[in-house]
Amino acid sequence: MRRTCSKASGLTAKLRLKLSRVRRSFVVCLFLLAVLLVSASSAHAQQRPLVTEDPETIGAGRILLEAGLDYAHGVLFPVSGLQGNLLRVPVVGVSFGISSIAELQLDGGLHNRLDVTSRLNAPLSGMLDFTGTRTTDVEDLVVATKIRMAGETTGRPAIGVRFATRLPNATNESGLGLDTTDFFATLLVGKTVQSIRFVANAGLGILGDPTRGDRQNDVLMYGVSFARALTDKVEIVGELNGRADVRAGDPPPGTESRSVMRVGARYTRGAGRVDAGLLIGATSRDPDYGFTVGYTHVFNAFRIP
């Protein structure tokens, strides 16, 4: 009986490893395909280094491609108990302008590396499957649709909505994933006042409990940002973006409140835009500090019939 259980356990572990490899390959192929679809044109409104979503879309028939590098010092993963310094490279985003008021977004990353500085007792720390003080994985893939519902006028801001699903591509065994599928619905508002662009997000996040399949946590998603144009090429930007746990009692692990402040700058030249920013965590689970650098380009890729 013990030998049978042992064999079954070994087969289960091998199957999980194969599925993990398949998921990684799927993410890599998806982003490479998106890159191959791109053809050149001119730059449009971009978001990096901010993550607060502007209600304006990129335009019909366009593809926005952005890539960057993120480094965060002192990040805590409450479910696996790992704490350390996280490098994400490349962080990739692809947006398809499927009409003048709607776009399809794919956001994720190909390589996350955590240099572990400490290990704490946590709900799923027993599932960790790596040696040494370094663990790697892919980023969870987020698939989203953004729709501009009302354009901006002199007396009214632009208004939009965004619906997004986060897929569980990163694994529990690496300590960097939760193996949960999450859903987000967000209201987007944006208004330009003279040379400053203000954007606000508010909505609902439905987060699965990584320790129980029959439980979830509904959190408040929020973000506020500004972009101040110094010249026709240079902007300074900033934001506070995160989520708030509003339920009574302790939240399921991995669904706690989180918040990060970002400040940075963007420089546009021709059809591209370079960005850089600093980030500071507002909770004990967020990074002590970090930075991000990246590049964004928008291409005319296809014609809407």
Protein backbone atom coordinates (compact mmCIF):
# COMPACT_ATOMS: atom_id res chain seq x y z
CA MET A 1 0.00 0.00 0.00
CA ARG A 2 2.82 2.41 0.87
CA ARG A 3 4.59 1.64 -2.43
CA THR A 4 1.38 2.33 -4.36
CA CYS A 5 0.90 5.70 -2.62
CA SER A 6 4.54 6.57 -3.21
CA LYS A 7 4.24 5.80 -6.93
CA ALA A 8 1.03 7.82 -7.20
CA SER A 9 2.68 10.76 -5.44
CA GLY A 10 5.64 10.58 -7.81
CA LEU A 11 3.38 10.53 -10.87
CA THR A 12 1.44 13.52 -9.54
CA ALA A 13 4.64 15.51 -9.01
CA LYS A 14 5.85 14.70 -12.54
CA LEU A 15 2.49 15.71 -14.01
CA ARG A 16 2.53 19.04 -12.16
CA LEU A 17 6.07 19.70 -13.41
CA LYS A 18 5.03 19.00 -17.02
CA LEU A 19 1.99 21.28 -16.71
CA SER A 20 4.20 24.02 -15.27
CA ARG A 21 6.54 23.76 -18.27
CA VAL A 22 3.59 23.84 -20.69
CA ARG A 23 2.26 27.02 -19.06
CA ARG A 24 5.66 28.71 -19.29
CA SER A 25 5.97 27.76 -22.97
CA PHE A 26 2.47 29.08 -23.66
CA VAL A 27 3.30 32.50 -22.17
CA VAL A 28 6.58 32.77 -24.10
CA CYS A 29 4.93 31.81 -27.41
CA LEU A 30 2.05 34.23 -26.85
CA PHE A 31 4.29 37.24 -26.37
CA LEU A 32 6.62 36.28 -29.22
CA LEU A 33 3.59 36.02 -31.51
CA ALA A 34 2.43 39.48 -30.43
CA VAL A 35 5.85 40.92 -31.21
CA LEU A 36 5.87 39.35 -34.68
CA LEU A 37 2.50 40.93 -35.49
CA VAL A 38 3.83 44.46 -35.09
CA SER A 39 4.61 46.87 -37.98
CA ALA A 40 5.86 50.46 -37.67
CA SER A 41 3.97 53.77 -37.34
CA SER A 42 3.82 56.61 -34.76
CA ALA A 43 3.66 56.92 -30.98
CA HIS A 44 0.43 57.49 -29.10
CA ALA A 45 -0.65 57.81 -25.45
CA GLN A 46 1.21 55.32 -23.24
CA GLN A 47 1.10 54.49 -19.55
CA ARG A 48 4.52 53.29 -18.44
CA PRO A 49 5.96 53.69 -15.84
CA LEU A 50 2.47 54.04 -14.31
CA VAL A 51 -0.01 51.17 -13.87
CA THR A 52 -3.14 53.29 -13.28
CA GLU A 53 -5.22 52.84 -16.44
CA ASP A 54 -6.14 55.85 -18.59
CA PRO A 55 -9.66 55.62 -20.09
CA GLU A 56 -8.32 56.69 -23.51
CA THR A 57 -7.59 53.82 -25.91
CA ILE A 58 -4.74 53.51 -28.42
CA GLY A 59 -6.91 53.80 -31.55
CA ALA A 60 -8.42 51.47 -34.12
CA GLY A 61 -5.99 49.17 -35.91
CA ARG A 62 -3.02 50.00 -33.72
CA ILE A 63 -0.82 47.78 -31.56
CA LEU A 64 0.99 49.15 -28.53
CA LEU A 65 4.08 47.25 -27.45
CA GLU A 66 5.83 48.07 -24.18
CA ALA A 67 8.71 46.33 -22.44
CA GLY A 68 10.71 47.09 -19.35
CA LEU A 69 12.66 45.98 -16.33
CA ASP A 70 11.43 46.15 -12.72
CA TYR A 71 13.51 45.72 -9.56
CA ALA A 72 11.98 45.66 -6.09
CA HIS A 73 13.91 45.41 -2.80
CA GLY A 74 12.39 43.69 0.22
CA VAL A 75 9.28 42.08 -1.29
CA LEU A 76 7.28 39.65 0.88
CA PHE A 77 5.29 36.71 -0.51
CA PRO A 78 2.88 35.88 2.36
CA VAL A 79 1.68 32.54 0.95
CA SER A 80 5.12 30.98 0.44
CA GLY A 81 6.86 32.90 3.24
CA LEU A 82 9.66 34.09 0.96
CA GLN A 83 11.13 37.56 1.28
CA GLY A 84 13.81 39.08 -0.89
CA ASN A 85 14.74 41.19 -3.88
CA LEU A 86 12.70 40.67 -7.05
CA LEU A 87 13.88 41.25 -10.62
CA ARG A 88 11.28 41.10 -13.42
CA VAL A 89 12.69 41.21 -16.94
CA PRO A 90 11.24 41.71 -19.40
CA VAL A 91 7.90 43.02 -18.18
CA VAL A 92 5.85 43.02 -21.39
CA GLY A 93 2.55 44.58 -22.41
CA VAL A 94 0.74 44.34 -25.74
CA SER A 95 -2.47 46.24 -26.56
CA PHE A 96 -4.57 45.76 -29.71
CA GLY A 97 -6.83 48.62 -30.84
CA ILE A 98 -9.89 46.64 -31.92
CA SER A 99 -11.97 49.80 -32.49
CA SER A 100 -11.75 53.53 -31.88
CA ILE A 101 -13.14 53.04 -28.35
CA ALA A 102 -11.91 49.56 -27.34
CA GLU A 103 -8.66 47.66 -26.94
CA LEU A 104 -7.53 44.17 -25.96
CA GLN A 105 -4.58 43.98 -23.55
CA LEU A 106 -2.07 41.26 -22.69
CA ASP A 107 0.31 41.95 -19.81
CA GLY A 108 2.87 39.69 -18.17
CA GLY A 109 6.53 38.79 -18.11
CA LEU A 110 8.95 36.06 -19.15
CA HIS A 111 11.36 35.91 -16.21
CA ASN A 112 10.92 36.72 -12.52
CA ARG A 113 13.92 36.11 -10.25
CA LEU A 114 13.78 36.38 -6.47
CA ASP A 115 17.00 36.50 -4.46
CA VAL A 116 15.75 35.16 -1.13
CA THR A 117 16.93 36.98 2.00
CA SER A 118 14.66 35.24 4.53
CA ARG A 119 12.08 32.45 4.85
CA LEU A 120 9.08 32.59 7.15
CA ASN A 121 6.51 29.99 8.15
CA ALA A 122 3.59 30.37 5.73
CA PRO A 123 0.54 28.38 4.58
CA LEU A 124 2.23 26.92 1.48
CA SER A 125 5.91 27.09 2.42
CA GLY A 126 5.97 23.28 2.46
CA MET A 127 5.32 23.23 -1.31
CA LEU A 128 8.51 25.09 -2.23
CA ASP A 129 10.66 23.13 -4.65
CA PHE A 130 13.98 24.86 -5.25
CA THR A 131 17.44 24.81 -3.71
CA GLY A 132 19.68 27.65 -2.68
CA THR A 133 18.69 31.28 -2.24
CA ARG A 134 17.32 32.01 -5.70
CA THR A 135 14.02 31.05 -7.34
CA THR A 136 12.64 31.91 -10.78
CA ASP A 137 9.34 31.73 -12.64
CA VAL A 138 7.25 33.50 -15.27
CA GLU A 139 4.84 36.34 -14.51
CA ASP A 140 1.10 35.69 -14.34
CA LEU A 141 -0.59 36.68 -17.60
CA VAL A 142 -3.35 39.31 -17.43
CA VAL A 143 -5.90 39.42 -20.27
CA ALA A 144 -8.06 42.57 -20.28
CA THR A 145 -10.51 44.58 -22.34
CA LYS A 146 -10.73 48.38 -22.00
CA ILE A 147 -13.65 50.38 -23.38
CA ARG A 148 -13.95 54.17 -23.50
CA MET A 149 -17.61 54.93 -22.74
CA ALA A 150 -17.47 58.74 -22.97
CA GLY A 151 -14.91 61.05 -24.51
CA GLU A 152 -13.43 64.01 -22.69
CA THR A 153 -15.01 67.43 -23.15
CA THR A 154 -14.38 70.85 -21.63
CA GLY A 155 -16.70 70.17 -18.74
CA ARG A 156 -16.52 66.38 -18.49
CA PRO A 157 -13.72 63.83 -18.02
CA ALA A 158 -13.22 60.81 -20.23
CA ILE A 159 -14.87 57.72 -18.74
CA GLY A 160 -14.09 54.08 -19.39
CA VAL A 161 -14.29 50.58 -17.98
CA ARG A 162 -11.77 47.74 -17.87
CA PHE A 163 -12.41 44.04 -17.29
CA ALA A 164 -9.40 41.83 -16.62
CA THR A 165 -8.57 38.24 -15.71
CA ARG A 166 -5.25 37.15 -14.23
CA LEU A 167 -4.21 33.63 -15.17
CA PRO A 168 -2.14 31.38 -12.84
CA ASN A 169 1.04 30.94 -14.89
CA ALA A 170 3.49 31.24 -11.97
CA THR A 171 3.57 28.19 -9.67
CA ASN A 172 3.38 27.58 -5.93
CA GLU A 173 6.52 25.46 -6.12
CA SER A 174 8.63 28.49 -7.08
CA GLY A 175 7.10 30.55 -4.27
CA LEU A 176 6.27 33.34 -6.71
CA GLY A 177 2.80 32.21 -7.79
CA LEU A 178 -0.57 31.60 -6.15
CA ASP A 179 -2.18 29.23 -8.69
CA THR A 180 -5.41 31.24 -8.54
CA THR A 181 -7.47 32.86 -11.28
CA ASP A 182 -8.53 36.42 -10.35
CA PHE A 183 -11.01 38.86 -11.90
CA PHE A 184 -11.06 42.67 -11.91
CA ALA A 185 -13.67 45.23 -12.98
CA THR A 186 -12.59 48.87 -12.84
CA LEU A 187 -14.09 52.28 -13.62
CA LEU A 188 -11.60 54.64 -15.30
CA VAL A 189 -11.76 58.44 -15.28
CA GLY A 190 -9.32 60.88 -16.90
CA LYS A 191 -9.16 64.68 -17.33
CA THR A 192 -6.55 67.04 -18.68
CA VAL A 193 -6.27 70.42 -16.96
CA GLN A 194 -3.88 72.75 -18.82
CA SER A 195 -0.63 70.73 -18.95
CA ILE A 196 -1.54 68.09 -16.35
CA ARG A 197 -3.32 64.80 -17.01
CA PHE A 198 -5.22 63.39 -13.99
CA VAL A 199 -6.45 59.79 -13.95
CA ALA A 200 -8.40 57.85 -11.30
CA ASN A 201 -9.38 54.15 -11.10
CA ALA A 202 -11.81 52.45 -8.72
CA GLY A 203 -13.31 48.99 -8.87
CA LEU A 204 -13.66 45.44 -7.60
CA GLY A 205 -11.11 42.64 -7.47
CA ILE A 206 -12.23 39.04 -6.89
CA LEU A 207 -9.20 37.14 -5.61
CA GLY A 208 -9.12 33.38 -5.09
CA ASP A 209 -7.84 31.88 -1.85
CA PRO A 210 -4.63 29.96 -2.71
CA THR A 211 -5.08 27.68 0.31
CA ARG A 212 -8.76 26.77 -0.26
CA GLY A 213 -10.64 26.24 -3.49
CA ASP A 214 -14.02 27.23 -2.02
CA ARG A 215 -13.18 30.72 -0.78
CA GLN A 216 -12.41 34.15 -2.25
CA ASN A 217 -11.82 37.72 -1.13
CA ASP A 218 -13.43 40.77 -2.72
CA VAL A 219 -11.11 43.76 -2.52
CA LEU A 220 -11.34 47.43 -3.50
CA MET A 221 -9.03 48.30 -6.39
CA TYR A 222 -7.86 51.92 -6.66
CA GLY A 223 -5.37 54.18 -8.37
CA VAL A 224 -4.76 57.91 -8.80
CA SER A 225 -2.11 59.38 -11.08
CA PHE A 226 -0.89 62.55 -12.74
CA ALA A 227 1.30 63.35 -15.74
CA ARG A 228 2.74 66.86 -15.97
CA ALA A 229 4.12 67.98 -19.35
CA LEU A 230 7.29 70.04 -18.95
CA THR A 231 7.94 70.31 -22.70
CA ASP A 232 6.43 68.67 -25.78
CA LYS A 233 8.79 65.71 -25.15
CA VAL A 234 9.27 65.46 -21.38
CA GLU A 235 6.75 64.59 -18.67
CA ILE A 236 6.99 63.94 -14.95
CA VAL A 237 4.52 61.38 -13.60
CA GLY A 238 3.36 59.94 -10.30
CA GLU A 239 0.73 57.68 -8.81
CA LEU A 240 -0.57 55.72 -5.83
CA ASN A 241 -2.01 52.37 -6.89
CA GLY A 242 -3.12 49.30 -4.97
CA ARG A 243 -5.93 47.35 -3.41
CA ALA A 244 -7.68 47.49 -0.02
CA ASP A 245 -9.03 44.51 1.91
CA VAL A 246 -12.42 45.61 3.26
CA ARG A 247 -13.72 42.37 4.76
CA ALA A 248 -14.10 41.81 8.51
CA GLY A 249 -11.41 39.63 10.07
CA ASP A 250 -8.19 38.36 8.56
CA PRO A 251 -8.15 38.08 4.75
CA PRO A 252 -7.15 34.84 3.01
CA PRO A 253 -3.36 34.73 2.55
CA GLY A 254 -2.21 36.41 -0.63
CA THR A 255 -5.25 38.73 -0.80
CA GLU A 256 -4.13 41.31 1.77
CA SER A 257 -4.07 45.07 1.18
CA ARG A 258 -1.20 46.28 -0.99
CA SER A 259 -0.19 49.71 -2.26
CA VAL A 260 2.77 51.20 -4.13
CA MET A 261 3.68 54.81 -4.90
CA ARG A 262 5.54 55.55 -8.15
CA VAL A 263 7.23 58.72 -9.38
CA GLY A 264 9.12 59.04 -12.62
CA ALA A 265 9.56 60.66 -16.01
CA ARG A 266 8.87 59.97 -19.69
CA TYR A 267 10.76 61.18 -22.74
CA THR A 268 9.20 60.99 -26.19
CA ARG A 269 11.22 61.16 -29.39
CA GLY A 270 9.68 60.38 -32.72
CA ALA A 271 7.59 57.22 -32.56
CA GLY A 272 8.91 55.93 -29.23
CA ARG A 273 8.93 56.78 -25.58
CA VAL A 274 11.48 55.97 -22.87
CA ASP A 275 10.45 55.95 -19.21
CA ALA A 276 11.98 55.50 -15.77
CA GLY A 277 10.52 55.56 -12.28
CA LEU A 278 11.11 54.92 -8.60
CA LEU A 279 8.68 52.98 -6.43
CA ILE A 280 8.05 52.86 -2.68
CA GLY A 281 5.82 50.31 -0.97
CA ALA A 282 3.12 51.49 1.44
CA THR A 283 2.55 48.19 3.30
CA SER A 284 4.86 45.66 4.96
CA ARG A 285 4.29 43.22 2.08
CA ASP A 286 5.27 45.71 -0.62
CA PRO A 287 8.88 46.49 -1.55
CA ASP A 288 10.86 48.91 0.58
CA TYR A 289 11.94 50.59 -2.65
CA GLY A 290 12.60 49.79 -6.28
CA PHE A 291 12.90 51.14 -9.78
CA THR A 292 11.58 50.54 -13.28
CA VAL A 293 12.82 51.45 -16.78
CA GLY A 294 11.16 50.74 -20.10
CA TYR A 295 10.27 51.61 -23.66
CA THR A 296 6.92 51.94 -25.45
CA HIS A 297 6.02 52.07 -29.13
CA VAL A 298 2.71 52.19 -31.02
CA PHE A 299 2.34 50.77 -34.51
CA ASN A 300 -0.30 50.90 -37.22
CA ALA A 301 -0.77 47.16 -37.64
CA PHE A 302 -4.08 46.38 -39.32
CA ARG A 303 -7.14 48.02 -40.82
CA ILE A 304 -10.54 47.83 -39.18
CA PRO A 305 -13.13 46.75 -41.83
